Structures are given as structure tokens and as C-alpha cells.
């Protein structure tokens, strides 16, 4: 039902009718994570205003909506989730945080770069390394993401 809503009005109506936004589907995604993956800021805002949590651990990766949004470079969603108290430094079962996913799975473009900026400004820990001991800075350098490198180097000082 949440996958088909696609707008804030539908989410508000479902919540008003008693829908539980914390329920998960067969892939262990809750409504907040689904909205995050869809880059659906309107639905996300309605869900959060209606009492949905930005802190749930979801998906087969034991991640968060913030990690999902960061991976995809959904910077508007990332901004909303940070404001809602999403855990910045949660490590999923791949060993990655939202910051790591924005770098490793991102394309280095404007939205992923904005995502990295938002996470760093919010206080995400850029020192958290992956299972191979590589930090987001190491990965940004290896990929040639110059603006990300600049931001990550600035936080290391």
C-alpha cells in the first residue's frame, strides 16, 4: 500500500485511517525507507509529521532510510532524514555508513556531493572505515571525486 501512495496527501490519509508506517514489507522496508528510495520528499514529510520514525533498521542489509537515500544521492531526502534524527553513523551489514555509501555507490555528481556535504555538516563520522580499513576519503580519492575529497580532507583537520 505504501509503495503505491506516491504523494503526501495519500500518506496523510493512510495515517489518519490508522495505517502503521512502521510495518515492513517482504523485503523489510518500512514506509520511510520506501519514500527515501523513491526520492519522494512529500510522502516522507507527511510520514514523519504523522509520527513515522527515521531511526528504524530496515532491509536485508540492516540499514536505515538514511543509508538508502545517501546511496542514491537523494539529497533532499537526506536533509529531511537528518532533521528527523536519523542515525548518522549506523553501520549496515555490509560494513558501510550513509557517508560511505554516498561515496562508494555514488557517481561523484552534484547530488551525491550534496549528500556528502549534508552528512558531514550534520556530524557524520568520516573516520569510520569499511571492513578493508578504507575510509570514505580513501574511496573518494580512488574514484577521483575531487569535491568530496576536499570536503572529507577538511573534516580530517
N, C-alpha and C. Protein backbone atom coordinates (compact mmCIF):
# COMPACT_ATOMS: atom_id res chain seq x y z
N UNK A 1 0.83 -1.18 0.00
CA UNK A 1 0.00 0.00 0.00
C UNK A 1 0.87 1.25 0.00
N UNK A 2 1.97 1.29 0.78
CA UNK A 2 2.83 2.48 0.80
C UNK A 2 3.54 2.67 -0.54
N UNK A 3 3.87 1.60 -1.21
CA UNK A 3 4.59 1.72 -2.47
C UNK A 3 3.76 2.46 -3.52
N UNK A 4 2.45 2.39 -3.43
CA UNK A 4 1.61 3.00 -4.45
C UNK A 4 1.17 4.41 -4.10
N UNK A 5 1.44 4.87 -2.90
CA UNK A 5 0.91 6.18 -2.50
C UNK A 5 1.50 7.31 -3.33
N UNK A 6 2.80 7.52 -3.28
CA UNK A 6 3.46 8.48 -4.14
C UNK A 6 3.21 9.95 -3.88
N UNK A 7 2.43 10.29 -2.87
CA UNK A 7 2.30 11.70 -2.54
C UNK A 7 1.95 11.87 -1.07
N UNK A 8 2.18 13.08 -0.59
CA UNK A 8 1.94 13.35 0.82
C UNK A 8 0.49 13.20 1.22
N UNK A 9 -0.44 13.59 0.35
CA UNK A 9 -1.86 13.50 0.69
C UNK A 9 -2.28 12.07 0.95
N UNK A 10 -1.82 11.17 0.13
CA UNK A 10 -2.17 9.76 0.32
C UNK A 10 -1.59 9.23 1.63
N UNK A 11 -0.35 9.61 1.93
CA UNK A 11 0.26 9.17 3.19
C UNK A 11 -0.50 9.72 4.38
N UNK A 12 -0.88 10.99 4.31
CA UNK A 12 -1.67 11.57 5.42
C UNK A 12 -3.00 10.85 5.59
N UNK A 13 -3.65 10.52 4.48
CA UNK A 13 -4.93 9.82 4.56
C UNK A 13 -4.76 8.44 5.17
N UNK A 14 -3.73 7.73 4.76
CA UNK A 14 -3.48 6.40 5.32
C UNK A 14 -3.18 6.47 6.81
N UNK A 15 -2.37 7.43 7.21
CA UNK A 15 -2.07 7.59 8.63
C UNK A 15 -3.32 7.95 9.42
N UNK A 16 -4.13 8.83 8.86
CA UNK A 16 -5.38 9.22 9.54
C UNK A 16 -6.32 8.04 9.70
N UNK A 17 -6.25 7.11 8.77
CA UNK A 17 -7.09 5.91 8.83
C UNK A 17 -6.51 4.83 9.74
N UNK A 18 -5.34 5.11 10.32
CA UNK A 18 -4.75 4.19 11.28
C UNK A 18 -3.65 3.30 10.75
N UNK A 19 -3.17 3.56 9.54
CA UNK A 19 -2.07 2.76 8.99
C UNK A 19 -0.83 2.91 9.85
N UNK A 20 -0.09 1.84 9.97
CA UNK A 20 1.13 1.82 10.77
C UNK A 20 2.34 1.99 9.85
N UNK A 21 3.00 3.16 9.86
CA UNK A 21 4.14 3.37 8.96
C UNK A 21 5.36 2.55 9.34
N UNK A 22 5.35 1.94 10.50
CA UNK A 22 6.48 1.12 10.93
C UNK A 22 6.41 -0.32 10.44
N UNK A 23 5.31 -0.69 9.81
CA UNK A 23 5.22 -2.05 9.25
C UNK A 23 6.22 -2.18 8.11
N UNK A 24 6.72 -3.39 7.91
CA UNK A 24 7.67 -3.62 6.83
C UNK A 24 7.08 -4.58 5.81
N UNK A 25 7.54 -4.44 4.59
CA UNK A 25 7.09 -5.33 3.53
C UNK A 25 7.97 -6.58 3.48
N UNK A 26 7.81 -7.38 2.47
CA UNK A 26 8.55 -8.63 2.34
C UNK A 26 10.05 -8.46 2.21
N UNK A 27 10.49 -7.27 1.83
CA UNK A 27 11.93 -7.00 1.72
C UNK A 27 12.44 -6.26 2.95
N UNK A 28 11.58 -6.13 3.96
CA UNK A 28 11.89 -5.47 5.24
C UNK A 28 12.06 -3.96 5.11
N UNK A 29 11.34 -3.36 4.15
CA UNK A 29 11.33 -1.91 4.01
C UNK A 29 10.09 -1.33 4.68
N UNK A 30 10.28 -0.27 5.46
CA UNK A 30 9.16 0.46 6.04
C UNK A 30 8.78 1.61 5.10
N UNK A 31 7.72 2.32 5.45
CA UNK A 31 7.23 3.41 4.59
C UNK A 31 8.26 4.52 4.42
N UNK A 32 9.00 4.84 5.48
CA UNK A 32 10.01 5.90 5.40
C UNK A 32 11.12 5.50 4.43
N UNK A 33 11.58 4.27 4.51
CA UNK A 33 12.64 3.82 3.60
C UNK A 33 12.13 3.76 2.17
N UNK A 34 10.89 3.34 1.99
CA UNK A 34 10.32 3.31 0.63
C UNK A 34 10.27 4.73 0.06
N UNK A 35 9.81 5.69 0.84
CA UNK A 35 9.78 7.08 0.38
C UNK A 35 11.20 7.58 0.09
N UNK A 36 12.16 7.19 0.91
CA UNK A 36 13.55 7.60 0.71
C UNK A 36 14.10 7.06 -0.60
N UNK A 37 13.86 5.80 -0.87
CA UNK A 37 14.34 5.17 -2.10
C UNK A 37 13.68 5.81 -3.32
N UNK A 38 12.42 6.16 -3.19
CA UNK A 38 11.67 6.77 -4.31
C UNK A 38 12.01 8.24 -4.50
N UNK A 39 12.79 8.83 -3.59
CA UNK A 39 13.11 10.26 -3.63
C UNK A 39 11.83 11.09 -3.52
N UNK A 40 10.93 10.61 -2.67
CA UNK A 40 9.60 11.19 -2.51
C UNK A 40 9.56 12.03 -1.23
N UNK A 41 10.01 13.28 -1.34
CA UNK A 41 10.12 14.16 -0.19
C UNK A 41 8.74 14.47 0.40
N UNK A 42 7.73 14.64 -0.46
CA UNK A 42 6.39 14.96 0.03
C UNK A 42 5.83 13.85 0.91
N UNK A 43 5.95 12.61 0.46
CA UNK A 43 5.46 11.50 1.25
C UNK A 43 6.28 11.35 2.51
N UNK A 44 7.58 11.49 2.40
CA UNK A 44 8.45 11.40 3.57
C UNK A 44 8.05 12.43 4.61
N UNK A 45 7.84 13.67 4.20
CA UNK A 45 7.45 14.72 5.14
C UNK A 45 6.14 14.39 5.82
N UNK A 46 5.18 13.88 5.07
CA UNK A 46 3.89 13.51 5.65
C UNK A 46 4.04 12.37 6.65
N UNK A 47 4.85 11.40 6.30
CA UNK A 47 5.08 10.26 7.20
C UNK A 47 5.73 10.72 8.51
N UNK A 48 6.77 11.53 8.38
CA UNK A 48 7.48 11.99 9.58
C UNK A 48 6.57 12.88 10.44
N UNK A 49 5.79 13.73 9.80
CA UNK A 49 4.85 14.59 10.55
C UNK A 49 3.77 13.74 11.22
N UNK A 50 3.48 12.59 10.63
CA UNK A 50 2.46 11.70 11.18
C UNK A 50 2.98 10.71 12.21
N UNK A 51 4.23 10.85 12.59
CA UNK A 51 4.77 10.01 13.65
C UNK A 51 5.67 8.87 13.21
N UNK A 52 5.93 8.74 11.92
CA UNK A 52 6.84 7.69 11.45
C UNK A 52 8.25 7.97 11.96
N UNK A 53 9.03 6.92 12.09
CA UNK A 53 10.39 7.03 12.63
C UNK A 53 11.44 7.06 11.53
N UNK A 54 12.43 7.92 11.69
CA UNK A 54 13.58 7.97 10.79
C UNK A 54 14.72 7.09 11.30
N UNK A 55 14.46 6.33 12.36
CA UNK A 55 15.55 5.58 13.01
C UNK A 55 15.45 4.06 12.85
N UNK A 56 14.45 3.57 12.14
CA UNK A 56 14.28 2.12 12.05
C UNK A 56 15.41 1.47 11.26
N UNK A 57 15.74 0.25 11.65
CA UNK A 57 16.71 -0.56 10.92
C UNK A 57 15.89 -1.44 9.98
N UNK A 58 16.14 -1.30 8.69
CA UNK A 58 15.31 -1.98 7.70
C UNK A 58 16.17 -2.66 6.64
N UNK A 59 15.53 -3.41 5.81
CA UNK A 59 16.07 -4.09 4.63
C UNK A 59 16.95 -5.28 5.00
N UNK A 60 17.22 -6.07 4.01
CA UNK A 60 18.09 -7.23 4.23
C UNK A 60 19.51 -6.81 4.56
N UNK A 61 19.83 -5.54 4.34
CA UNK A 61 21.16 -5.02 4.64
C UNK A 61 21.26 -4.44 6.05
N UNK A 62 20.17 -4.51 6.80
CA UNK A 62 20.12 -3.95 8.15
C UNK A 62 20.61 -2.51 8.16
N UNK A 63 20.08 -1.77 7.21
CA UNK A 63 20.44 -0.37 7.07
C UNK A 63 19.35 0.54 7.59
N UNK A 64 19.38 1.76 7.13
CA UNK A 64 18.40 2.77 7.51
C UNK A 64 17.92 3.49 6.25
N UNK A 65 16.85 4.24 6.40
CA UNK A 65 16.39 5.07 5.28
C UNK A 65 17.47 6.06 4.87
N UNK A 66 18.23 6.56 5.82
CA UNK A 66 19.31 7.50 5.51
C UNK A 66 20.38 6.84 4.64
N UNK A 67 20.74 5.63 4.95
CA UNK A 67 21.73 4.92 4.13
C UNK A 67 21.19 4.72 2.72
N UNK A 68 19.92 4.32 2.61
CA UNK A 68 19.32 4.11 1.29
C UNK A 68 19.30 5.40 0.48
N UNK A 69 18.92 6.50 1.11
CA UNK A 69 18.86 7.78 0.41
C UNK A 69 20.26 8.26 0.02
N UNK A 70 21.23 8.09 0.90
CA UNK A 70 22.60 8.53 0.62
C UNK A 70 23.19 7.74 -0.54
N UNK A 71 22.95 6.46 -0.55
CA UNK A 71 23.42 5.59 -1.63
C UNK A 71 22.94 6.11 -2.98
N UNK A 72 21.70 6.57 -3.03
CA UNK A 72 21.10 7.02 -4.28
C UNK A 72 21.31 8.51 -4.57
N UNK A 73 21.91 9.24 -3.63
CA UNK A 73 22.13 10.66 -3.82
C UNK A 73 20.87 11.49 -3.71
N UNK A 74 19.93 11.04 -2.94
CA UNK A 74 18.67 11.76 -2.76
C UNK A 74 18.85 12.81 -1.67
N UNK A 75 19.52 13.89 -2.04
CA UNK A 75 19.95 14.89 -1.07
C UNK A 75 18.79 15.57 -0.34
N UNK A 76 17.67 15.80 -0.97
CA UNK A 76 16.52 16.38 -0.27
C UNK A 76 15.99 15.46 0.80
N UNK A 77 15.95 14.18 0.50
CA UNK A 77 15.52 13.18 1.47
C UNK A 77 16.54 13.09 2.59
N UNK A 78 17.81 13.11 2.26
CA UNK A 78 18.86 13.07 3.27
C UNK A 78 18.70 14.24 4.23
N UNK A 79 18.46 15.42 3.71
CA UNK A 79 18.27 16.61 4.54
C UNK A 79 17.09 16.40 5.51
N UNK A 80 15.98 15.89 5.00
CA UNK A 80 14.79 15.67 5.84
C UNK A 80 15.05 14.59 6.90
N UNK A 81 15.74 13.54 6.53
CA UNK A 81 16.01 12.46 7.49
C UNK A 81 16.98 12.91 8.58
N UNK A 82 17.97 13.70 8.22
CA UNK A 82 18.88 14.24 9.22
C UNK A 82 18.10 15.10 10.21
N UNK A 83 17.24 15.96 9.69
CA UNK A 83 16.43 16.83 10.55
C UNK A 83 15.51 16.02 11.47
N UNK A 84 15.11 14.83 11.02
CA UNK A 84 14.22 13.97 11.80
C UNK A 84 14.98 13.07 12.78
N UNK A 85 16.29 13.21 12.84
CA UNK A 85 17.06 12.45 13.81
C UNK A 85 17.55 11.08 13.35
N UNK A 86 17.64 10.89 12.05
CA UNK A 86 18.16 9.61 11.54
C UNK A 86 19.57 9.39 12.07
N UNK A 87 19.91 8.14 12.40
CA UNK A 87 21.26 7.86 12.91
C UNK A 87 22.31 8.06 11.82
N UNK A 88 23.22 8.98 12.06
CA UNK A 88 24.22 9.34 11.05
C UNK A 88 25.26 8.25 10.83
N UNK A 89 25.62 7.55 11.87
CA UNK A 89 26.76 6.63 11.79
C UNK A 89 26.39 5.17 11.93
N UNK A 90 25.13 4.84 11.65
CA UNK A 90 24.74 3.42 11.68
C UNK A 90 25.55 2.67 10.62
N UNK A 91 26.06 1.52 10.98
CA UNK A 91 26.82 0.68 10.06
C UNK A 91 25.95 -0.51 9.68
N UNK A 92 25.68 -0.67 8.39
CA UNK A 92 24.85 -1.78 7.93
C UNK A 92 25.65 -3.08 7.89
N UNK A 93 25.01 -4.16 7.47
CA UNK A 93 25.70 -5.45 7.49
C UNK A 93 26.72 -5.61 6.36
N UNK A 94 26.84 -4.60 5.52
CA UNK A 94 27.92 -4.57 4.54
C UNK A 94 29.15 -3.87 5.11
N UNK A 95 28.97 -3.27 6.30
CA UNK A 95 30.05 -2.55 6.95
C UNK A 95 30.12 -1.09 6.54
N UNK A 96 29.03 -0.55 5.99
CA UNK A 96 29.04 0.81 5.47
C UNK A 96 28.03 1.71 6.18
N UNK A 97 28.42 2.98 6.32
CA UNK A 97 27.54 4.03 6.83
C UNK A 97 26.90 4.76 5.64
N UNK A 98 26.02 5.71 5.93
CA UNK A 98 25.43 6.53 4.87
C UNK A 98 26.53 7.30 4.12
N UNK A 99 27.49 7.84 4.85
CA UNK A 99 28.59 8.58 4.22
C UNK A 99 29.38 7.67 3.28
N UNK A 100 29.69 6.48 3.74
CA UNK A 100 30.45 5.54 2.92
C UNK A 100 29.66 5.19 1.65
N UNK A 101 28.37 4.95 1.79
CA UNK A 101 27.56 4.59 0.61
C UNK A 101 27.47 5.73 -0.38
N UNK A 102 27.38 6.97 0.11
CA UNK A 102 27.31 8.11 -0.80
C UNK A 102 28.56 8.21 -1.66
N UNK A 103 29.68 7.81 -1.10
CA UNK A 103 30.94 7.85 -1.85
C UNK A 103 31.11 6.60 -2.71
N UNK A 104 31.01 5.44 -2.09
CA UNK A 104 31.30 4.18 -2.78
C UNK A 104 30.27 3.87 -3.87
N UNK A 105 29.01 4.08 -3.58
CA UNK A 105 27.96 3.74 -4.53
C UNK A 105 27.47 4.95 -5.32
N UNK A 106 27.99 6.12 -4.99
CA UNK A 106 27.60 7.33 -5.69
C UNK A 106 28.36 7.50 -6.99
N UNK A 107 27.97 8.54 -7.72
CA UNK A 107 28.61 8.80 -9.01
C UNK A 107 29.53 10.03 -8.98
N UNK A 108 29.68 10.63 -7.79
CA UNK A 108 30.53 11.80 -7.67
C UNK A 108 29.89 13.07 -8.20
N UNK A 109 28.64 12.98 -8.65
CA UNK A 109 27.93 14.12 -9.21
C UNK A 109 27.37 15.05 -8.15
N UNK A 110 26.62 16.05 -8.60
CA UNK A 110 26.13 17.09 -7.68
C UNK A 110 25.27 16.58 -6.53
N UNK A 111 24.40 15.62 -6.78
CA UNK A 111 23.51 15.16 -5.71
C UNK A 111 24.25 14.30 -4.69
N UNK A 112 25.16 13.47 -5.14
CA UNK A 112 25.95 12.69 -4.18
C UNK A 112 26.91 13.60 -3.42
N UNK A 113 27.45 14.60 -4.09
CA UNK A 113 28.34 15.55 -3.42
C UNK A 113 27.55 16.35 -2.38
N UNK A 114 26.34 16.77 -2.72
CA UNK A 114 25.50 17.48 -1.75
C UNK A 114 25.16 16.57 -0.57
N UNK A 115 24.94 15.30 -0.85
CA UNK A 115 24.65 14.33 0.21
C UNK A 115 25.83 14.23 1.16
N UNK A 116 27.02 14.11 0.64
CA UNK A 116 28.22 14.05 1.47
C UNK A 116 28.33 15.33 2.31
N UNK A 117 28.10 16.48 1.70
CA UNK A 117 28.17 17.75 2.42
C UNK A 117 27.17 17.77 3.58
N UNK A 118 25.93 17.38 3.31
CA UNK A 118 24.90 17.36 4.35
C UNK A 118 25.29 16.44 5.50
N UNK A 119 25.77 15.27 5.17
CA UNK A 119 26.16 14.30 6.21
C UNK A 119 27.31 14.85 7.06
N UNK A 120 28.31 15.42 6.41
CA UNK A 120 29.45 15.97 7.15
C UNK A 120 29.02 17.16 8.01
N UNK A 121 28.21 18.04 7.47
CA UNK A 121 27.73 19.19 8.25
C UNK A 121 26.91 18.76 9.45
N UNK A 122 26.22 17.63 9.33
CA UNK A 122 25.41 17.12 10.44
C UNK A 122 26.25 16.40 11.48
N UNK A 123 27.51 16.11 11.15
CA UNK A 123 28.40 15.46 12.11
C UNK A 123 28.69 14.00 11.86
N UNK A 124 28.40 13.50 10.67
CA UNK A 124 28.73 12.11 10.36
C UNK A 124 30.23 11.89 10.53
N UNK A 125 30.59 10.76 11.07
CA UNK A 125 31.99 10.44 11.36
C UNK A 125 32.69 9.91 10.11
N UNK A 126 33.54 10.74 9.52
CA UNK A 126 34.25 10.37 8.30
C UNK A 126 35.39 9.40 8.56
N UNK A 127 35.67 9.11 9.82
CA UNK A 127 36.76 8.18 10.16
C UNK A 127 36.31 6.73 10.16
N UNK A 128 35.01 6.48 10.08
CA UNK A 128 34.53 5.09 10.10
C UNK A 128 34.90 4.42 8.79
N UNK A 129 35.75 3.41 8.90
CA UNK A 129 36.28 2.71 7.73
C UNK A 129 35.43 1.49 7.40
N UNK A 130 35.59 1.01 6.18
CA UNK A 130 34.92 -0.22 5.77
C UNK A 130 35.68 -1.43 6.32
N UNK A 131 35.26 -2.59 5.97
CA UNK A 131 35.88 -3.82 6.50
C UNK A 131 37.32 -4.01 6.03
N UNK A 132 37.70 -3.30 4.98
CA UNK A 132 39.08 -3.37 4.48
C UNK A 132 39.93 -2.24 5.06
N UNK A 133 39.36 -1.46 5.95
CA UNK A 133 40.10 -0.38 6.59
C UNK A 133 40.17 0.91 5.79
N UNK A 134 39.37 1.00 4.72
CA UNK A 134 39.39 2.19 3.87
C UNK A 134 38.28 3.16 4.31
N UNK A 135 38.64 4.41 4.43
CA UNK A 135 37.70 5.44 4.85
C UNK A 135 36.97 6.02 3.63
N UNK A 136 35.92 6.80 3.87
CA UNK A 136 35.28 7.49 2.74
C UNK A 136 36.27 8.35 1.96
N UNK A 137 37.21 8.98 2.64
CA UNK A 137 38.23 9.78 1.96
C UNK A 137 39.07 8.91 1.03
N UNK A 138 39.48 7.74 1.50
CA UNK A 138 40.25 6.83 0.65
C UNK A 138 39.48 6.49 -0.62
N UNK A 139 38.20 6.18 -0.46
CA UNK A 139 37.36 5.81 -1.61
C UNK A 139 37.14 7.00 -2.54
N UNK A 140 36.93 8.19 -2.00
CA UNK A 140 36.74 9.38 -2.83
C UNK A 140 38.00 9.67 -3.64
N UNK A 141 39.15 9.53 -3.02
CA UNK A 141 40.43 9.74 -3.75
C UNK A 141 40.57 8.71 -4.87
N UNK A 142 40.29 7.46 -4.57
CA UNK A 142 40.43 6.39 -5.56
C UNK A 142 39.51 6.60 -6.76
N UNK A 143 38.37 7.23 -6.54
CA UNK A 143 37.39 7.45 -7.60
C UNK A 143 37.57 8.80 -8.30
N UNK A 144 38.47 9.62 -7.79
CA UNK A 144 38.70 10.92 -8.39
C UNK A 144 37.58 11.93 -8.14
N UNK A 145 36.89 11.81 -7.01
CA UNK A 145 35.80 12.72 -6.66
C UNK A 145 36.38 13.92 -5.92
N UNK A 146 36.90 14.87 -6.68
CA UNK A 146 37.69 15.97 -6.13
C UNK A 146 36.94 16.78 -5.07
N UNK A 147 35.69 17.13 -5.30
CA UNK A 147 34.96 17.94 -4.33
C UNK A 147 34.72 17.16 -3.04
N UNK A 148 34.41 15.89 -3.17
CA UNK A 148 34.24 15.06 -1.98
C UNK A 148 35.55 14.95 -1.21
N UNK A 149 36.64 14.78 -1.93
CA UNK A 149 37.96 14.71 -1.30
C UNK A 149 38.21 15.98 -0.51
N UNK A 150 37.93 17.13 -1.11
CA UNK A 150 38.15 18.41 -0.44
C UNK A 150 37.35 18.49 0.85
N UNK A 151 36.07 18.11 0.79
CA UNK A 151 35.22 18.18 1.98
C UNK A 151 35.70 17.20 3.06
N UNK A 152 36.04 15.99 2.65
CA UNK A 152 36.47 14.98 3.60
C UNK A 152 37.83 15.34 4.22
N UNK A 153 38.72 15.90 3.42
CA UNK A 153 40.01 16.34 3.96
C UNK A 153 39.79 17.46 4.99
N UNK A 154 38.87 18.35 4.71
CA UNK A 154 38.60 19.46 5.63
C UNK A 154 38.09 18.96 6.98
N UNK A 155 37.35 17.88 7.00
CA UNK A 155 36.83 17.35 8.26
C UNK A 155 37.91 16.60 9.02
N UNK A 156 38.95 16.15 8.33
CA UNK A 156 40.01 15.39 8.97
C UNK A 156 40.97 16.29 9.74
N UNK A 157 40.88 17.58 9.51
CA UNK A 157 41.81 18.51 10.17
C UNK A 157 41.38 18.84 11.54
